[in-house]
Amino acid sequence: MVFEGTTRDVERTKRAVADFLGVDPARIPRDAGKTAVNKSMIARHSALFQAAHRISQKLRDADRDWLVSSGAARRLKRWLVGEPSSLPPMASADRAWLADHYWDEFDRIER
């Protein structure tokens, strides 16, 4: 199963997964697969975001999780990263290169 195919035809994907698991497809919730979760976030300020991430790891290691989980930390992350958004569209030349480069592997996986 290739990710792009699973998102392109969600109903077909649900039927394939149900068939693989040996369950009735009707048991899969109707809205499953239709809501985006864990959307990609592209940092507005990459270096600052990386520094903040390293600091948060040090705080966690020092058992100061409450600082990382505070409202101020969430606001800082929102400022550094912004709201979740879609990734920018891929350039057609990049898409063509990837398709050409990985076609044999995709074909092997799909068999």
N, C-alpha and C. Protein backbone atom coordinates (compact mmCIF):
# COMPACT_ATOMS: atom_id res chain seq x y z
N MET A 1 0.84 -1.17 0.00
CA MET A 1 0.00 0.00 0.00
C MET A 1 0.89 1.24 0.00
N VAL A 2 0.65 2.14 -0.91
CA VAL A 2 1.40 3.38 -1.00
C VAL A 2 0.54 4.49 -0.40
N PHE A 3 1.16 5.34 0.42
CA PHE A 3 0.42 6.36 1.15
C PHE A 3 -0.47 7.19 0.24
N GLU A 4 0.07 7.64 -0.88
CA GLU A 4 -0.71 8.50 -1.77
C GLU A 4 -1.98 7.81 -2.24
N GLY A 5 -1.89 6.50 -2.48
CA GLY A 5 -3.07 5.75 -2.90
C GLY A 5 -4.09 5.62 -1.79
N THR A 6 -3.61 5.49 -0.55
CA THR A 6 -4.55 5.34 0.58
C THR A 6 -5.34 6.61 0.80
N THR A 7 -4.72 7.76 0.56
CA THR A 7 -5.44 9.02 0.79
C THR A 7 -6.28 9.41 -0.41
N ARG A 8 -5.92 8.92 -1.57
CA ARG A 8 -6.68 9.26 -2.77
C ARG A 8 -8.04 8.57 -2.77
N ASP A 9 -8.09 7.32 -2.35
CA ASP A 9 -9.34 6.55 -2.34
C ASP A 9 -9.51 5.91 -0.97
N VAL A 10 -10.04 6.69 -0.04
CA VAL A 10 -10.15 6.26 1.35
C VAL A 10 -11.07 5.05 1.49
N GLU A 11 -12.17 5.03 0.78
CA GLU A 11 -13.11 3.91 0.89
C GLU A 11 -12.48 2.61 0.42
N ARG A 12 -11.75 2.67 -0.68
CA ARG A 12 -11.06 1.46 -1.18
C ARG A 12 -10.03 1.00 -0.16
N THR A 13 -9.32 1.94 0.43
CA THR A 13 -8.31 1.61 1.44
C THR A 13 -8.96 0.92 2.63
N LYS A 14 -10.09 1.46 3.10
CA LYS A 14 -10.77 0.84 4.24
C LYS A 14 -11.20 -0.59 3.91
N ARG A 15 -11.70 -0.80 2.70
CA ARG A 15 -12.10 -2.17 2.32
C ARG A 15 -10.89 -3.10 2.28
N ALA A 16 -9.77 -2.61 1.74
CA ALA A 16 -8.56 -3.43 1.66
C ALA A 16 -8.03 -3.78 3.05
N VAL A 17 -8.04 -2.81 3.96
CA VAL A 17 -7.57 -3.06 5.32
C VAL A 17 -8.50 -4.04 6.02
N ALA A 18 -9.81 -3.85 5.87
CA ALA A 18 -10.77 -4.76 6.49
C ALA A 18 -10.60 -6.18 5.96
N ASP A 19 -10.40 -6.29 4.64
CA ASP A 19 -10.20 -7.60 4.04
C ASP A 19 -8.93 -8.25 4.58
N PHE A 20 -7.86 -7.46 4.68
CA PHE A 20 -6.59 -7.98 5.20
C PHE A 20 -6.75 -8.47 6.64
N LEU A 21 -7.51 -7.72 7.44
CA LEU A 21 -7.70 -8.08 8.85
C LEU A 21 -8.77 -9.14 9.04
N GLY A 22 -9.55 -9.39 7.97
CA GLY A 22 -10.61 -10.38 8.07
C GLY A 22 -11.80 -9.90 8.87
N VAL A 23 -12.09 -8.61 8.79
CA VAL A 23 -13.24 -8.04 9.49
C VAL A 23 -14.21 -7.45 8.48
N ASP A 24 -15.41 -7.24 8.93
CA ASP A 24 -16.45 -6.64 8.10
C ASP A 24 -16.12 -5.15 7.90
N PRO A 25 -16.03 -4.67 6.66
CA PRO A 25 -15.72 -3.25 6.41
C PRO A 25 -16.72 -2.29 7.08
N ALA A 26 -17.92 -2.78 7.36
CA ALA A 26 -18.92 -1.92 8.01
C ALA A 26 -18.51 -1.57 9.45
N ARG A 27 -17.57 -2.33 10.01
CA ARG A 27 -17.12 -2.05 11.38
C ARG A 27 -16.17 -0.87 11.44
N ILE A 28 -15.63 -0.46 10.29
CA ILE A 28 -14.73 0.69 10.27
C ILE A 28 -15.58 1.95 10.27
N PRO A 29 -15.32 2.88 11.18
CA PRO A 29 -16.13 4.10 11.24
C PRO A 29 -16.19 4.83 9.90
N ARG A 30 -17.35 5.40 9.59
CA ARG A 30 -17.53 6.08 8.31
C ARG A 30 -16.55 7.22 8.09
N ASP A 31 -16.24 7.95 9.17
CA ASP A 31 -15.36 9.11 9.01
C ASP A 31 -13.88 8.76 9.13
N ALA A 32 -13.55 7.48 9.32
CA ALA A 32 -12.14 7.07 9.44
C ALA A 32 -11.41 7.41 8.14
N GLY A 33 -10.27 8.06 8.29
CA GLY A 33 -9.45 8.39 7.14
C GLY A 33 -9.81 9.67 6.43
N LYS A 34 -10.85 10.35 6.88
CA LYS A 34 -11.28 11.57 6.19
C LYS A 34 -10.77 12.85 6.87
N THR A 35 -10.33 12.72 8.11
CA THR A 35 -9.82 13.88 8.83
C THR A 35 -8.31 13.79 8.89
N ALA A 36 -7.66 14.88 8.53
CA ALA A 36 -6.19 14.91 8.59
C ALA A 36 -5.75 14.98 10.04
N VAL A 37 -4.83 14.13 10.40
CA VAL A 37 -4.24 14.15 11.74
C VAL A 37 -2.73 14.25 11.58
N ASN A 38 -2.10 14.81 12.61
CA ASN A 38 -0.64 14.98 12.57
C ASN A 38 -0.18 15.67 11.30
N LYS A 39 -0.86 16.77 10.96
CA LYS A 39 -0.47 17.51 9.77
C LYS A 39 0.96 18.00 9.93
N SER A 40 1.63 18.10 8.83
CA SER A 40 3.01 18.56 8.84
C SER A 40 3.08 20.02 9.26
N MET A 41 4.12 20.31 10.00
CA MET A 41 4.35 21.69 10.39
C MET A 41 5.73 22.08 9.89
N ILE A 42 5.78 23.18 9.21
CA ILE A 42 7.05 23.69 8.71
C ILE A 42 7.42 24.87 9.58
N ALA A 43 8.58 24.79 10.22
CA ALA A 43 8.99 25.85 11.14
C ALA A 43 9.22 27.16 10.39
N ARG A 44 8.68 28.23 10.96
CA ARG A 44 8.93 29.56 10.38
C ARG A 44 10.36 29.97 10.61
N HIS A 45 10.85 29.67 11.80
CA HIS A 45 12.20 30.05 12.21
C HIS A 45 12.94 28.77 12.58
N SER A 46 13.51 28.13 11.59
CA SER A 46 14.07 26.79 11.77
C SER A 46 15.13 26.73 12.88
N ALA A 47 16.08 27.65 12.88
CA ALA A 47 17.15 27.60 13.88
C ALA A 47 16.59 27.80 15.29
N LEU A 48 15.65 28.73 15.42
CA LEU A 48 15.04 28.97 16.74
C LEU A 48 14.24 27.75 17.19
N PHE A 49 13.53 27.13 16.25
CA PHE A 49 12.74 25.95 16.59
C PHE A 49 13.66 24.82 17.06
N GLN A 50 14.77 24.61 16.37
CA GLN A 50 15.71 23.55 16.77
C GLN A 50 16.30 23.85 18.16
N ALA A 51 16.62 25.12 18.42
CA ALA A 51 17.16 25.49 19.73
C ALA A 51 16.12 25.24 20.82
N ALA A 52 14.88 25.63 20.56
CA ALA A 52 13.80 25.42 21.53
C ALA A 52 13.59 23.93 21.78
N HIS A 53 13.70 23.13 20.74
CA HIS A 53 13.53 21.68 20.89
C HIS A 53 14.64 21.11 21.77
N ARG A 54 15.88 21.54 21.52
CA ARG A 54 16.99 21.05 22.35
C ARG A 54 16.82 21.46 23.81
N ILE A 55 16.37 22.69 24.03
CA ILE A 55 16.14 23.16 25.41
C ILE A 55 15.04 22.34 26.06
N SER A 56 13.97 22.06 25.33
CA SER A 56 12.86 21.28 25.90
C SER A 56 13.34 19.88 26.27
N GLN A 57 14.21 19.28 25.45
CA GLN A 57 14.76 17.96 25.78
C GLN A 57 15.57 18.02 27.07
N LYS A 58 16.39 19.06 27.21
CA LYS A 58 17.20 19.21 28.44
C LYS A 58 16.29 19.38 29.65
N LEU A 59 15.21 20.15 29.51
CA LEU A 59 14.27 20.34 30.62
C LEU A 59 13.59 19.02 30.98
N ARG A 60 13.22 18.25 29.98
CA ARG A 60 12.60 16.95 30.25
C ARG A 60 13.59 16.02 30.96
N ASP A 61 14.83 16.03 30.48
CA ASP A 61 15.86 15.20 31.11
C ASP A 61 16.09 15.59 32.56
N ALA A 62 15.88 16.88 32.87
CA ALA A 62 16.07 17.38 34.24
C ALA A 62 14.77 17.29 35.05
N ASP A 63 13.80 16.55 34.53
CA ASP A 63 12.51 16.37 35.21
C ASP A 63 11.77 17.69 35.42
N ARG A 64 11.82 18.54 34.41
CA ARG A 64 11.12 19.83 34.45
C ARG A 64 10.06 19.89 33.34
N ASP A 65 9.35 18.76 33.18
CA ASP A 65 8.34 18.66 32.14
C ASP A 65 7.28 19.76 32.23
N TRP A 66 6.96 20.17 33.42
CA TRP A 66 5.90 21.16 33.60
C TRP A 66 6.25 22.47 32.87
N LEU A 67 7.54 22.79 32.75
CA LEU A 67 7.92 23.99 32.02
C LEU A 67 7.63 23.85 30.52
N VAL A 68 7.92 22.67 30.00
CA VAL A 68 7.70 22.41 28.58
C VAL A 68 6.21 22.38 28.28
N SER A 69 5.42 21.89 29.21
CA SER A 69 3.99 21.74 29.00
C SER A 69 3.19 23.00 29.32
N SER A 70 3.84 24.03 29.78
CA SER A 70 3.11 25.24 30.19
C SER A 70 2.51 25.94 28.98
N GLY A 71 1.55 26.79 29.27
CA GLY A 71 0.90 27.58 28.22
C GLY A 71 1.88 28.47 27.48
N ALA A 72 2.85 29.02 28.20
CA ALA A 72 3.85 29.88 27.56
C ALA A 72 4.65 29.09 26.54
N ALA A 73 5.00 27.85 26.87
CA ALA A 73 5.76 27.01 25.93
C ALA A 73 4.92 26.71 24.69
N ARG A 74 3.63 26.45 24.89
CA ARG A 74 2.76 26.18 23.73
C ARG A 74 2.64 27.41 22.85
N ARG A 75 2.53 28.58 23.48
CA ARG A 75 2.46 29.81 22.68
C ARG A 75 3.76 30.05 21.92
N LEU A 76 4.91 29.75 22.56
CA LEU A 76 6.19 29.91 21.90
C LEU A 76 6.29 28.98 20.70
N LYS A 77 5.85 27.74 20.87
CA LYS A 77 5.89 26.79 19.76
C LYS A 77 5.00 27.28 18.62
N ARG A 78 3.82 27.78 18.96
CA ARG A 78 2.91 28.28 17.93
C ARG A 78 3.56 29.43 17.16
N TRP A 79 4.31 30.29 17.89
CA TRP A 79 4.98 31.41 17.24
C TRP A 79 6.12 30.92 16.34
N LEU A 80 6.89 29.93 16.83
CA LEU A 80 8.02 29.42 16.06
C LEU A 80 7.58 28.63 14.84
N VAL A 81 6.53 27.85 14.99
CA VAL A 81 6.12 26.93 13.93
C VAL A 81 4.93 27.46 13.15
N GLY A 82 4.01 28.09 13.82
CA GLY A 82 2.77 28.49 13.17
C GLY A 82 1.74 27.39 13.32
N GLU A 83 0.64 27.58 12.69
CA GLU A 83 -0.43 26.58 12.73
C GLU A 83 -0.10 25.46 11.75
N PRO A 84 -0.56 24.24 12.03
CA PRO A 84 -0.33 23.15 11.08
C PRO A 84 -0.87 23.53 9.71
N SER A 85 -0.13 23.18 8.70
CA SER A 85 -0.55 23.52 7.34
C SER A 85 -0.10 22.42 6.39
N SER A 86 -0.60 22.51 5.21
CA SER A 86 -0.19 21.56 4.19
C SER A 86 1.21 21.90 3.72
N LEU A 87 1.92 20.90 3.30
CA LEU A 87 3.23 21.14 2.74
C LEU A 87 3.08 21.85 1.40
N PRO A 88 4.08 22.61 1.01
CA PRO A 88 3.98 23.27 -0.30
C PRO A 88 3.94 22.21 -1.40
N PRO A 89 3.32 22.53 -2.54
CA PRO A 89 3.24 21.54 -3.61
C PRO A 89 4.64 21.17 -4.12
N MET A 90 4.78 19.92 -4.51
CA MET A 90 6.06 19.44 -5.02
C MET A 90 6.23 19.91 -6.46
N ALA A 91 7.43 20.32 -6.79
CA ALA A 91 7.73 20.73 -8.16
C ALA A 91 7.57 19.52 -9.09
N SER A 92 7.04 19.74 -10.27
CA SER A 92 6.78 18.63 -11.19
C SER A 92 8.07 17.91 -11.57
N ALA A 93 9.19 18.64 -11.67
CA ALA A 93 10.47 17.99 -11.99
C ALA A 93 10.88 17.05 -10.87
N ASP A 94 10.66 17.46 -9.61
CA ASP A 94 10.99 16.61 -8.47
C ASP A 94 10.10 15.37 -8.45
N ARG A 95 8.82 15.57 -8.71
CA ARG A 95 7.88 14.45 -8.74
C ARG A 95 8.27 13.45 -9.83
N ALA A 96 8.65 13.95 -11.00
CA ALA A 96 9.04 13.08 -12.10
C ALA A 96 10.32 12.32 -11.75
N TRP A 97 11.28 12.98 -11.12
CA TRP A 97 12.53 12.31 -10.72
C TRP A 97 12.24 11.21 -9.72
N LEU A 98 11.42 11.50 -8.71
CA LEU A 98 11.10 10.49 -7.69
C LEU A 98 10.38 9.30 -8.31
N ALA A 99 9.41 9.59 -9.18
CA ALA A 99 8.67 8.50 -9.82
C ALA A 99 9.61 7.63 -10.65
N ASP A 100 10.50 8.27 -11.40
CA ASP A 100 11.44 7.52 -12.23
C ASP A 100 12.41 6.72 -11.36
N HIS A 101 12.89 7.34 -10.31
CA HIS A 101 13.90 6.73 -9.45
C HIS A 101 13.34 5.55 -8.65
N TYR A 102 12.10 5.64 -8.19
CA TYR A 102 11.54 4.62 -7.31
C TYR A 102 10.50 3.73 -7.97
N TRP A 103 10.27 3.86 -9.27
CA TRP A 103 9.20 3.12 -9.93
C TRP A 103 9.34 1.61 -9.74
N ASP A 104 10.55 1.08 -9.93
CA ASP A 104 10.74 -0.37 -9.78
C ASP A 104 10.41 -0.83 -8.37
N GLU A 105 10.81 -0.04 -7.38
CA GLU A 105 10.53 -0.41 -5.99
C GLU A 105 9.03 -0.37 -5.70
N PHE A 106 8.34 0.67 -6.19
CA PHE A 106 6.89 0.75 -6.00
C PHE A 106 6.22 -0.45 -6.65
N ASP A 107 6.66 -0.78 -7.86
CA ASP A 107 6.09 -1.90 -8.59
C ASP A 107 6.29 -3.20 -7.80
N ARG A 108 7.47 -3.40 -7.24
CA ARG A 108 7.77 -4.62 -6.47
C ARG A 108 6.90 -4.67 -5.21
N ILE A 109 6.74 -3.55 -4.53
CA ILE A 109 5.96 -3.52 -3.30
C ILE A 109 4.48 -3.79 -3.57
N GLU A 110 3.97 -3.27 -4.66
CA GLU A 110 2.55 -3.41 -4.96
C GLU A 110 2.16 -4.81 -5.42
N ARG A 111 3.12 -5.64 -5.78
CA ARG A 111 2.79 -7.01 -6.24
C ARG A 111 2.37 -7.89 -5.12
